[in-house]
Amino acid sequence: MYAVIQTGGKQYRVAEGDTLKVEKIAAEAGAAVELDKVLMVADGEDIKVGKPYLNGGKVTATIKSHGRDKKVKVIKFRRRKHHLKRQGHRQGFTELEVTGINAG
């Protein structure tokens, strides 16, 4: 059984027991989280698709940890103009472990 969920502006295909990194969620590590933006749930040949979300569909997960990704270097450069700007960015993330899928 797996589901397609939406969180942080991105979509993820998850199954029970999966661990995934999503955009940062404001909750403590170890807390339980319910993700209710479920787009699709598939259980073998039985597939339910939402319009856009399933009514009553929920994915429960536990927050394992918070962290920050590797640094991404941003360079803005204009040729022949003596212009060069450098900047770094580290995106925050939350690591989730999926504990249950409910099709609703």
PDB file of N, CA and C in Angstrom:
ATOM      1  N   MET A   1       0.846  -1.176   0.000  1.00  0.00           N
ATOM      2  CA  MET A   1       0.000   0.000   0.000  1.00  0.00           C
ATOM      3  C   MET A   1       0.886   1.231   0.000  1.00  0.00           C
ATOM      4  N   TYR A   2       0.569   2.182  -0.877  1.00  0.00           N
ATOM      5  CA  TYR A   2       1.315   3.430  -0.912  1.00  0.00           C
ATOM      6  C   TYR A   2       0.370   4.588  -1.181  1.00  0.00           C
ATOM      7  N   ALA A   3       0.873   5.796  -0.917  1.00  0.00           N
ATOM      8  CA  ALA A   3       0.072   7.008  -1.122  1.00  0.00           C
ATOM      9  C   ALA A   3       0.947   8.081  -1.743  1.00  0.00           C
ATOM     10  N   VAL A   4       0.308   9.020  -2.416  1.00  0.00           N
ATOM     11  CA  VAL A   4       0.979  10.211  -2.931  1.00  0.00           C
ATOM     12  C   VAL A   4       0.447  11.386  -2.126  1.00  0.00           C
ATOM     13  N   ILE A   5       1.369  12.087  -1.448  1.00  0.00           N
ATOM     14  CA  ILE A   5       0.975  13.204  -0.585  1.00  0.00           C
ATOM     15  C   ILE A   5       1.615  14.487  -1.085  1.00  0.00           C
ATOM     16  N   GLN A   6       1.074  15.598  -0.603  1.00  0.00           N
ATOM     17  CA  GLN A   6       1.628  16.908  -0.935  1.00  0.00           C
ATOM     18  C   GLN A   6       1.953  17.634   0.362  1.00  0.00           C
ATOM     19  N   THR A   7       3.187  18.115   0.480  1.00  0.00           N
ATOM     20  CA  THR A   7       3.590  18.920   1.619  1.00  0.00           C
ATOM     21  C   THR A   7       4.758  19.794   1.207  1.00  0.00           C
ATOM     22  N   GLY A   8       4.729  21.038   1.642  1.00  0.00           N
ATOM     23  CA  GLY A   8       5.810  21.959   1.322  1.00  0.00           C
ATOM     24  C   GLY A   8       5.915  22.293  -0.151  1.00  0.00           C
ATOM     25  N   GLY A   9       4.803  22.207  -0.886  1.00  0.00           N
ATOM     26  CA  GLY A   9       4.825  22.538  -2.309  1.00  0.00           C
ATOM     27  C   GLY A   9       5.365  21.422  -3.192  1.00  0.00           C
ATOM     28  N   LYS A  10       5.637  20.255  -2.630  1.00  0.00           N
ATOM     29  CA  LYS A  10       6.159  19.124  -3.394  1.00  0.00           C
ATOM     30  C   LYS A  10       5.287  17.904  -3.158  1.00  0.00           C
ATOM     31  N   GLN A  11       5.390  16.926  -4.052  1.00  0.00           N
ATOM     32  CA  GLN A  11       4.622  15.702  -3.926  1.00  0.00           C
ATOM     33  C   GLN A  11       5.575  14.528  -3.696  1.00  0.00           C
ATOM     34  N   TYR A  12       5.147  13.598  -2.834  1.00  0.00           N
ATOM     35  CA  TYR A  12       5.975  12.458  -2.466  1.00  0.00           C
ATOM     36  C   TYR A  12       5.153  11.179  -2.537  1.00  0.00           C
ATOM     37  N   ARG A  13       5.799  10.096  -2.971  1.00  0.00           N
ATOM     38  CA  ARG A  13       5.187   8.765  -2.955  1.00  0.00           C
ATOM     39  C   ARG A  13       5.715   8.061  -1.716  1.00  0.00           C
ATOM     40  N   VAL A  14       4.813   7.698  -0.799  1.00  0.00           N
ATOM     41  CA  VAL A  14       5.228   7.134   0.475  1.00  0.00           C
ATOM     42  C   VAL A  14       4.522   5.810   0.740  1.00  0.00           C
ATOM     43  N   ALA A  15       5.190   4.964   1.502  1.00  0.00           N
ATOM     44  CA  ALA A  15       4.614   3.717   1.992  1.00  0.00           C
ATOM     45  C   ALA A  15       4.911   3.639   3.483  1.00  0.00           C
ATOM     46  N   GLU A  16       4.250   2.722   4.186  1.00  0.00           N
ATOM     47  CA  GLU A  16       4.489   2.592   5.626  1.00  0.00           C
ATOM     48  C   GLU A  16       5.927   2.172   5.880  1.00  0.00           C
ATOM     49  N   GLY A  17       6.553   2.847   6.856  1.00  0.00           N
ATOM     50  CA  GLY A  17       7.944   2.549   7.188  1.00  0.00           C
ATOM     51  C   GLY A  17       8.957   3.373   6.424  1.00  0.00           C
ATOM     52  N   ASP A  18       8.526   4.142   5.419  1.00  0.00           N
ATOM     53  CA  ASP A  18       9.451   4.979   4.647  1.00  0.00           C
ATOM     54  C   ASP A  18       9.954   6.149   5.477  1.00  0.00           C
ATOM     55  N   THR A  19      11.180   6.577   5.187  1.00  0.00           N
ATOM     56  CA  THR A  19      11.760   7.777   5.781  1.00  0.00           C
ATOM     57  C   THR A  19      12.019   8.763   4.649  1.00  0.00           C
ATOM     58  N   LEU A  20      11.577  10.008   4.822  1.00  0.00           N
ATOM     59  CA  LEU A  20      11.772  10.996   3.774  1.00  0.00           C
ATOM     60  C   LEU A  20      12.064  12.360   4.361  1.00  0.00           C
ATOM     61  N   LYS A  21      12.728  13.195   3.560  1.00  0.00           N
ATOM     62  CA  LYS A  21      13.036  14.569   3.940  1.00  0.00           C
ATOM     63  C   LYS A  21      12.041  15.493   3.248  1.00  0.00           C
ATOM     64  N   VAL A  22      11.353  16.328   4.037  1.00  0.00           N
ATOM     65  CA  VAL A  22      10.388  17.281   3.497  1.00  0.00           C
ATOM     66  C   VAL A  22      10.774  18.680   3.963  1.00  0.00           C
ATOM     67  N   GLU A  23      10.083  19.682   3.445  1.00  0.00           N
ATOM     68  CA  GLU A  23      10.310  21.049   3.902  1.00  0.00           C
ATOM     69  C   GLU A  23      10.026  21.130   5.397  1.00  0.00           C
ATOM     70  N   LYS A  24      10.683  22.047   6.069  1.00  0.00           N
ATOM     71  CA  LYS A  24      10.632  22.112   7.524  1.00  0.00           C
ATOM     72  C   LYS A  24       9.203  22.273   8.047  1.00  0.00           C
ATOM     73  N   ILE A  25       8.868  21.441   9.045  1.00  0.00           N
ATOM     74  CA  ILE A  25       7.567  21.475   9.714  1.00  0.00           C
ATOM     75  C   ILE A  25       7.798  21.978  11.137  1.00  0.00           C
ATOM     76  N   ALA A  26       6.970  22.924  11.579  1.00  0.00           N
ATOM     77  CA  ALA A  26       7.133  23.521  12.905  1.00  0.00           C
ATOM     78  C   ALA A  26       6.528  22.617  13.968  1.00  0.00           C
ATOM     79  N   ALA A  27       7.301  21.620  14.416  1.00  0.00           N
ATOM     80  CA  ALA A  27       6.902  20.728  15.499  1.00  0.00           C
ATOM     81  C   ALA A  27       8.167  20.107  16.078  1.00  0.00           C
ATOM     82  N   GLU A  28       8.057  19.620  17.300  1.00  0.00           N
ATOM     83  CA  GLU A  28       9.215  19.040  17.977  1.00  0.00           C
ATOM     84  C   GLU A  28       9.542  17.654  17.418  1.00  0.00           C
ATOM     85  N   ALA A  29      10.807  17.268  17.557  1.00  0.00           N
ATOM     86  CA  ALA A  29      11.228  15.921  17.160  1.00  0.00           C
ATOM     87  C   ALA A  29      10.533  14.898  18.058  1.00  0.00           C
ATOM     88  N   GLY A  30      10.042  13.839  17.456  1.00  0.00           N
ATOM     89  CA  GLY A  30       9.315  12.812  18.196  1.00  0.00           C
ATOM     90  C   GLY A  30       7.808  12.998  18.177  1.00  0.00           C
ATOM     91  N   ALA A  31       7.342  14.138  17.691  1.00  0.00           N
ATOM     92  CA  ALA A  31       5.901  14.402  17.649  1.00  0.00           C
ATOM     93  C   ALA A  31       5.264  13.678  16.467  1.00  0.00           C
ATOM     94  N   ALA A  32       3.977  13.360  16.603  1.00  0.00           N
ATOM     95  CA  ALA A  32       3.216  12.740  15.524  1.00  0.00           C
ATOM     96  C   ALA A  32       2.583  13.830  14.670  1.00  0.00           C
ATOM     97  N   VAL A  33       2.597  13.629  13.353  1.00  0.00           N
ATOM     98  CA  VAL A  33       2.073  14.613  12.408  1.00  0.00           C
ATOM     99  C   VAL A  33       1.076  13.915  11.495  1.00  0.00           C
ATOM    100  N   GLU A  34      -0.056  14.579  11.208  1.00  0.00           N
ATOM    101  CA  GLU A  34      -1.030  14.070  10.250  1.00  0.00           C
ATOM    102  C   GLU A  34      -0.948  14.909   8.983  1.00  0.00           C
ATOM    103  N   LEU A  35      -0.692  14.261   7.869  1.00  0.00           N
ATOM    104  CA  LEU A  35      -0.647  14.928   6.568  1.00  0.00           C
ATOM    105  C   LEU A  35      -1.962  14.611   5.858  1.00  0.00           C
ATOM    106  N   ASP A  36      -2.798  15.643   5.663  1.00  0.00           N
ATOM    107  CA  ASP A  36      -4.133  15.400   5.125  1.00  0.00           C
ATOM    108  C   ASP A  36      -4.272  15.731   3.642  1.00  0.00           C
ATOM    109  N   LYS A  37      -3.226  16.229   3.018  1.00  0.00           N
ATOM    110  CA  LYS A  37      -3.286  16.498   1.577  1.00  0.00           C
ATOM    111  C   LYS A  37      -2.834  15.242   0.828  1.00  0.00           C
ATOM    112  N   VAL A  38      -3.737  14.265   0.769  1.00  0.00           N
ATOM    113  CA  VAL A  38      -3.458  12.991   0.112  1.00  0.00           C
ATOM    114  C   VAL A  38      -4.057  13.039  -1.286  1.00  0.00           C
ATOM    115  N   LEU A  39      -3.230  12.871  -2.303  1.00  0.00           N
ATOM    116  CA  LEU A  39      -3.681  12.948  -3.685  1.00  0.00           C
ATOM    117  C   LEU A  39      -4.161  11.599  -4.210  1.00  0.00           C
ATOM    118  N   MET A  40      -3.514  10.505  -3.762  1.00  0.00           N
ATOM    119  CA  MET A  40      -3.850   9.191  -4.277  1.00  0.00           C
ATOM    120  C   MET A  40      -3.447   8.120  -3.272  1.00  0.00           C
ATOM    121  N   VAL A  41      -4.233   7.058  -3.182  1.00  0.00           N
ATOM    122  CA  VAL A  41      -3.894   5.895  -2.363  1.00  0.00           C
ATOM    123  C   VAL A  41      -4.088   4.659  -3.225  1.00  0.00           C
ATOM    124  N   ALA A  42      -3.080   3.789  -3.236  1.00  0.00           N
ATOM    125  CA  ALA A  42      -3.151   2.549  -4.013  1.00  0.00           C
ATOM    126  C   ALA A  42      -2.886   1.372  -3.090  1.00  0.00           C
ATOM    127  N   ASP A  43      -3.769   0.371  -3.182  1.00  0.00           N
ATOM    128  CA  ASP A  43      -3.608  -0.864  -2.415  1.00  0.00           C
ATOM    129  C   ASP A  43      -3.775  -2.013  -3.399  1.00  0.00           C
ATOM    130  N   GLY A  44      -2.686  -2.432  -4.014  1.00  0.00           N
ATOM    131  CA  GLY A  44      -2.756  -3.460  -5.058  1.00  0.00           C
ATOM    132  C   GLY A  44      -3.452  -2.903  -6.290  1.00  0.00           C
ATOM    133  N   GLU A  45      -4.563  -3.536  -6.686  1.00  0.00           N
ATOM    134  CA  GLU A  45      -5.323  -3.080  -7.852  1.00  0.00           C
ATOM    135  C   GLU A  45      -6.341  -1.994  -7.501  1.00  0.00           C
ATOM    136  N   ASP A  46      -6.596  -1.796  -6.203  1.00  0.00           N
ATOM    137  CA  ASP A  46      -7.566  -0.797  -5.747  1.00  0.00           C
ATOM    138  C   ASP A  46      -6.880   0.564  -5.653  1.00  0.00           C
ATOM    139  N   ILE A  47      -7.231   1.482  -6.550  1.00  0.00           N
ATOM    140  CA  ILE A  47      -6.603   2.811  -6.596  1.00  0.00           C
ATOM    141  C   ILE A  47      -7.677   3.865  -6.399  1.00  0.00           C
ATOM    142  N   LYS A  48      -7.439   4.779  -5.452  1.00  0.00           N
ATOM    143  CA  LYS A  48      -8.352   5.897  -5.206  1.00  0.00           C
ATOM    144  C   LYS A  48      -7.610   7.187  -5.516  1.00  0.00           C
ATOM    145  N   VAL A  49      -8.209   8.023  -6.364  1.00  0.00           N
ATOM    146  CA  VAL A  49      -7.609   9.287  -6.768  1.00  0.00           C
ATOM    147  C   VAL A  49      -8.520  10.422  -6.328  1.00  0.00           C
ATOM    148  N   GLY A  50      -7.940  11.473  -5.738  1.00  0.00           N
ATOM    149  CA  GLY A  50      -8.719  12.608  -5.259  1.00  0.00           C
ATOM    150  C   GLY A  50      -8.903  13.671  -6.318  1.00  0.00           C
ATOM    151  N   LYS A  51      -9.795  14.630  -6.018  1.00  0.00           N
ATOM    152  CA  LYS A  51     -10.076  15.736  -6.944  1.00  0.00           C
ATOM    153  C   LYS A  51     -10.004  17.059  -6.209  1.00  0.00           C
ATOM    154  N   PRO A  52      -8.925  17.654  -5.859  1.00  0.00           N
ATOM    155  CA  PRO A  52      -7.541  17.178  -5.988  1.00  0.00           C
ATOM    156  C   PRO A  52      -7.118  16.289  -4.823  1.00  0.00           C
ATOM    157  N   TYR A  53      -7.812  16.357  -3.654  1.00  0.00           N
ATOM    158  CA  TYR A  53      -7.418  15.559  -2.496  1.00  0.00           C
ATOM    159  C   TYR A  53      -8.517  14.562  -2.164  1.00  0.00           C
ATOM    160  N   LEU A  54      -8.119  13.456  -1.531  1.00  0.00           N
ATOM    161  CA  LEU A  54      -9.083  12.455  -1.078  1.00  0.00           C
ATOM    162  C   LEU A  54      -9.797  12.942   0.178  1.00  0.00           C
ATOM    163  N   ASN A  55     -11.107  12.781   0.222  1.00  0.00           N
ATOM    164  CA  ASN A  55     -11.866  13.132   1.423  1.00  0.00           C
ATOM    165  C   ASN A  55     -11.605  12.081   2.489  1.00  0.00           C
ATOM    166  N   GLY A  56     -11.130  12.519   3.645  1.00  0.00           N
ATOM    167  CA  GLY A  56     -10.854  11.602   4.740  1.00  0.00           C
ATOM    168  C   GLY A  56      -9.528  10.881   4.631  1.00  0.00           C
ATOM    169  N   GLY A  57      -8.754  11.160   3.606  1.00  0.00           N
ATOM    170  CA  GLY A  57      -7.456  10.514   3.455  1.00  0.00           C
ATOM    171  C   GLY A  57      -6.420  11.163   4.369  1.00  0.00           C
ATOM    172  N   LYS A  58      -5.663  10.330   5.100  1.00  0.00           N
ATOM    173  CA  LYS A  58      -4.648  10.846   6.017  1.00  0.00           C
ATOM    174  C   LYS A  58      -3.433   9.947   5.992  1.00  0.00           C
ATOM    175  N   VAL A  59      -2.280  10.556   6.132  1.00  0.00           N
ATOM    176  CA  VAL A  59      -1.032   9.830   6.318  1.00  0.00           C
ATOM    177  C   VAL A  59      -0.450  10.308   7.639  1.00  0.00           C
ATOM    178  N   THR A  60      -0.199   9.381   8.547  1.00  0.00           N
ATOM    179  CA  THR A  60       0.394   9.742   9.829  1.00  0.00           C
ATOM    180  C   THR A  60       1.885   9.457   9.782  1.00  0.00           C
ATOM    181  N   ALA A  61       2.647  10.346  10.409  1.00  0.00           N
ATOM    182  CA  ALA A  61       4.106  10.219  10.412  1.00  0.00           C
ATOM    183  C   ALA A  61       4.656  10.717  11.740  1.00  0.00           C
ATOM    184  N   THR A  62       5.878  10.309  12.039  1.00  0.00           N
ATOM    185  CA  THR A  62       6.582  10.742  13.232  1.00  0.00           C
ATOM    186  C   THR A  62       7.803  11.536  12.806  1.00  0.00           C
ATOM    187  N   ILE A  63       8.028  12.663  13.467  1.00  0.00           N
ATOM    188  CA  ILE A  63       9.189  13.488  13.147  1.00  0.00           C
ATOM    189  C   ILE A  63      10.414  12.872  13.802  1.00  0.00           C
ATOM    190  N   LYS A  64      11.389  12.495  12.973  1.00  0.00           N
ATOM    191  CA  LYS A  64      12.623  11.900  13.502  1.00  0.00           C
ATOM    192  C   LYS A  64      13.633  12.973  13.886  1.00  0.00           C
ATOM    193  N   SER A  65      13.820  13.968  12.999  1.00  0.00           N
ATOM    194  CA  SER A  65      14.810  15.010  13.281  1.00  0.00           C
ATOM    195  C   SER A  65      14.593  16.206  12.369  1.00  0.00           C
ATOM    196  N   HIS A  66      15.258  17.292  12.717  1.00  0.00           N
ATOM    197  CA  HIS A  66      15.317  18.490  11.888  1.00  0.00           C
ATOM    198  C   HIS A  66      16.776  18.700  11.491  1.00  0.00           C
ATOM    199  N   GLY A  67      16.984  19.364  10.375  1.00  0.00           N
ATOM    200  CA  GLY A  67      18.358  19.614   9.957  1.00  0.00           C
ATOM    201  C   GLY A  67      18.410  20.621   8.820  1.00  0.00           C
ATOM    202  N   ARG A  68      19.620  20.773   8.285  1.00  0.00           N
ATOM    203  CA  ARG A  68      19.824  21.682   7.155  1.00  0.00           C
ATOM    204  C   ARG A  68      20.629  20.951   6.091  1.00  0.00           C
ATOM    205  N   ASP A  69      20.239  21.153   4.834  1.00  0.00           N
ATOM    206  CA  ASP A  69      20.911  20.501   3.713  1.00  0.00           C
ATOM    207  C   ASP A  69      22.291  21.088   3.475  1.00  0.00           C
ATOM    208  N   LYS A  70      22.978  20.515   2.484  1.00  0.00           N
ATOM    209  CA  LYS A  70      24.289  21.024   2.089  1.00  0.00           C
ATOM    210  C   LYS A  70      24.142  22.422   1.504  1.00  0.00           C
ATOM    211  N   LYS A  71      25.214  23.179   1.560  1.00  0.00           N
ATOM    212  CA  LYS A  71      25.186  24.545   1.068  1.00  0.00           C
ATOM    213  C   LYS A  71      25.108  24.572  -0.460  1.00  0.00           C
ATOM    214  N   VAL A  72      24.248  25.444  -0.964  1.00  0.00           N
ATOM    215  CA  VAL A  72      24.123  25.687  -2.391  1.00  0.00           C
ATOM    216  C   VAL A  72      24.718  27.061  -2.648  1.00  0.00           C
ATOM    217  N   LYS A  73      25.647  27.145  -3.582  1.00  0.00           N
ATOM    218  CA  LYS A  73      26.275  28.427  -3.900  1.00  0.00           C
ATOM    219  C   LYS A  73      25.527  29.100  -5.034  1.00  0.00           C
ATOM    220  N   VAL A  74      25.169  30.368  -4.815  1.00  0.00           N
ATOM    221  CA  VAL A  74      24.452  31.159  -5.808  1.00  0.00           C
ATOM    222  C   VAL A  74      25.403  32.243  -6.290  1.00  0.00           C
ATOM    223  N   ILE A  75      25.615  32.328  -7.602  1.00  0.00           N
ATOM    224  CA  ILE A  75      26.511  33.339  -8.166  1.00  0.00           C
ATOM    225  C   ILE A  75      25.750  34.117  -9.221  1.00  0.00           C
ATOM    226  N   LYS A  76      25.727  35.439  -9.052  1.00  0.00           N
ATOM    227  CA  LYS A  76      25.147  36.321 -10.063  1.00  0.00           C
ATOM    228  C   LYS A  76      26.298  37.057 -10.718  1.00  0.00           C
ATOM    229  N   PHE A  77      26.368  36.983 -12.046  1.00  0.00           N
ATOM    230  CA  PHE A  77      27.512  37.515 -12.775  1.00  0.00           C
ATOM    231  C   PHE A  77      27.029  38.214 -14.034  1.00  0.00           C
ATOM    232  N   ARG A  78      27.538  39.415 -14.259  1.00  0.00           N
ATOM    233  CA  ARG A  78      27.249  40.135 -15.494  1.00  0.00           C
ATOM    234  C   ARG A  78      28.572  40.415 -16.197  1.00  0.00           C
ATOM    235  N   ARG A  79      28.712  39.912 -17.393  1.00  0.00           N
ATOM    236  CA  ARG A  79      29.981  40.065 -18.107  1.00  0.00           C
ATOM    237  C   ARG A  79      30.233  41.514 -18.512  1.00  0.00           C
ATOM    238  N   ARG A  80      31.471  41.878 -18.464  1.00  0.00           N
ATOM    239  CA  ARG A  80      31.971  43.202 -18.873  1.00  0.00           C
ATOM    240  C   ARG A  80      31.428  44.342 -18.017  1.00  0.00           C
ATOM    241  N   LYS A  81      30.832  44.075 -16.885  1.00  0.00           N
ATOM    242  CA  LYS A  81      30.248  45.125 -16.053  1.00  0.00           C
ATOM    243  C   LYS A  81      30.918  45.209 -14.676  1.00  0.00           C
ATOM    244  N   HIS A  82      31.952  44.441 -14.423  1.00  0.00           N
ATOM    245  CA  HIS A  82      32.621  44.384 -13.117  1.00  0.00           C
ATOM    246  C   HIS A  82      31.617  44.079 -12.012  1.00  0.00           C
ATOM    247  N   HIS A  83      30.743  43.111 -12.290  1.00  0.00           N
ATOM    248  CA  HIS A  83      29.706  42.761 -11.325  1.00  0.00           C
ATOM    249  C   HIS A  83      29.762  41.261 -11.044  1.00  0.00           C
ATOM    250  N   LEU A  84      29.968  40.917  -9.773  1.00  0.00           N
ATOM    251  CA  LEU A  84      29.959  39.526  -9.338  1.00  0.00           C
ATOM    252  C   LEU A  84      29.430  39.493  -7.918  1.00  0.00           C
ATOM    253  N   LYS A  85      28.378  38.708  -7.693  1.00  0.00           N
ATOM    254  CA  LYS A  85      27.784  38.602  -6.368  1.00  0.00           C
ATOM    255  C   LYS A  85      27.694  37.132  -5.999  1.00  0.00           C
ATOM    256  N   ARG A  86      28.200  36.772  -4.824  1.00  0.00           N
ATOM    257  CA  ARG A  86      28.168  35.392  -4.358  1.00  0.00           C
ATOM    258  C   ARG A  86      27.314  35.306  -3.099  1.00  0.00           C
ATOM    259  N   GLN A  87      26.573  34.218  -3.007  1.00  0.00           N
ATOM    260  CA  GLN A  87      25.712  34.022  -1.855  1.00  0.00           C
ATOM    261  C   GLN A  87      25.557  32.526  -1.620  1.00  0.00           C
ATOM    262  N   GLY A  88      25.416  32.125  -0.362  1.00  0.00           N
ATOM    263  CA  GLY A  88      25.190  30.729  -0.029  1.00  0.00           C
ATOM    264  C   GLY A  88      23.816  30.546   0.594  1.00  0.00           C
ATOM    265  N   HIS A  89      23.282  29.329   0.490  1.00  0.00           N
ATOM    266  CA  HIS A  89      21.959  29.044   1.043  1.00  0.00           C
ATOM    267  C   HIS A  89      21.928  27.615   1.546  1.00  0.00           C
ATOM    268  N   ARG A  90      21.389  27.411   2.756  1.00  0.00           N
ATOM    269  CA  ARG A  90      21.177  26.072   3.310  1.00  0.00           C
ATOM    270  C   ARG A  90      19.704  25.941   3.660  1.00  0.00           C
ATOM    271  N   GLN A  91      19.025  25.036   2.977  1.00  0.00           N
ATOM    272  CA  GLN A  91      17.591  24.849   3.172  1.00  0.00           C
ATOM    273  C   GLN A  91      17.335  23.949   4.380  1.00  0.00           C
ATOM    274  N   GLY A  92      16.402  24.348   5.227  1.00  0.00           N
ATOM    275  CA  GLY A  92      16.024  23.528   6.372  1.00  0.00           C
ATOM    276  C   GLY A  92      15.097  22.405   5.956  1.00  0.00           C
ATOM    277  N   PHE A  93      15.199  21.249   6.624  1.00  0.00           N
ATOM    278  CA  PHE A  93      14.332  20.120   6.314  1.00  0.00           C
ATOM    279  C   PHE A  93      13.898  19.419   7.596  1.00  0.00           C
ATOM    280  N   THR A  94      12.864  18.603   7.463  1.00  0.00           N
ATOM    281  CA  THR A  94      12.381  17.743   8.538  1.00  0.00           C
ATOM    282  C   THR A  94      12.389  16.316   8.017  1.00  0.00           C
ATOM    283  N   GLU A  95      12.931  15.415   8.803  1.00  0.00           N
ATOM    284  CA  GLU A  95      12.963  14.013   8.416  1.00  0.00           C
ATOM    285  C   GLU A  95      11.778  13.301   9.071  1.00  0.00           C
ATOM    286  N   LEU A  96      10.939  12.678   8.241  1.00  0.00           N
ATOM    287  CA  LEU A  96       9.722  12.011   8.704  1.00  0.00           C
ATOM    288  C   LEU A  96       9.819  10.502   8.500  1.00  0.00           C
ATOM    289  N   GLU A  97       9.178   9.758   9.404  1.00  0.00           N
ATOM    290  CA  GLU A  97       9.000   8.314   9.219  1.00  0.00           C
ATOM    291  C   GLU A  97       7.505   8.045   9.164  1.00  0.00           C
ATOM    292  N   VAL A  98       7.044   7.475   8.065  1.00  0.00           N
ATOM    293  CA  VAL A  98       5.615   7.228   7.851  1.00  0.00           C
ATOM    294  C   VAL A  98       5.183   6.038   8.690  1.00  0.00           C
ATOM    295  N   THR A  99       4.129   6.250   9.496  1.00  0.00           N
ATOM    296  CA  THR A  99       3.660   5.188  10.393  1.00  0.00           C
ATOM    297  C   THR A  99       2.325   4.588   9.965  1.00  0.00           C
ATOM    298  N   GLY A 100       1.525   5.302   9.169  1.00  0.00           N
ATOM    299  CA  GLY A 100       0.235   4.761   8.761  1.00  0.00           C
ATOM    300  C   GLY A 100      -0.378   5.508   7.597  1.00  0.00           C
ATOM    301  N   ILE A 101      -1.180   4.779   6.813  1.00  0.00           N
ATOM    302  CA  ILE A 101      -1.888   5.357   5.670  1.00  0.00           C
ATOM    303  C   ILE A 101      -3.360   5.002   5.804  1.00  0.00           C
ATOM    304  N   ASN A 102      -4.227   6.024   5.722  1.00  0.00           N
ATOM    305  CA  ASN A 102      -5.666   5.823   5.809  1.00  0.00           C
ATOM    306  C   ASN A 102      -6.312   6.389   4.546  1.00  0.00           C
ATOM    307  N   ALA A 103      -6.995   5.548   3.789  1.00  0.00           N
ATOM    308  CA  ALA A 103      -7.599   5.987   2.525  1.00  0.00           C
ATOM    309  C   ALA A 103      -8.879   6.780   2.734  1.00  0.00           C
ATOM    310  N   GLY A 104      -9.490   6.661   3.881  1.00  0.00           N
ATOM    311  CA  GLY A 104     -10.685   7.441   4.164  1.00  0.00           C
ATOM    312  C   GLY A 104     -11.959   6.838   3.733  1.00  0.00           C
TER     313      GLY A 104
END
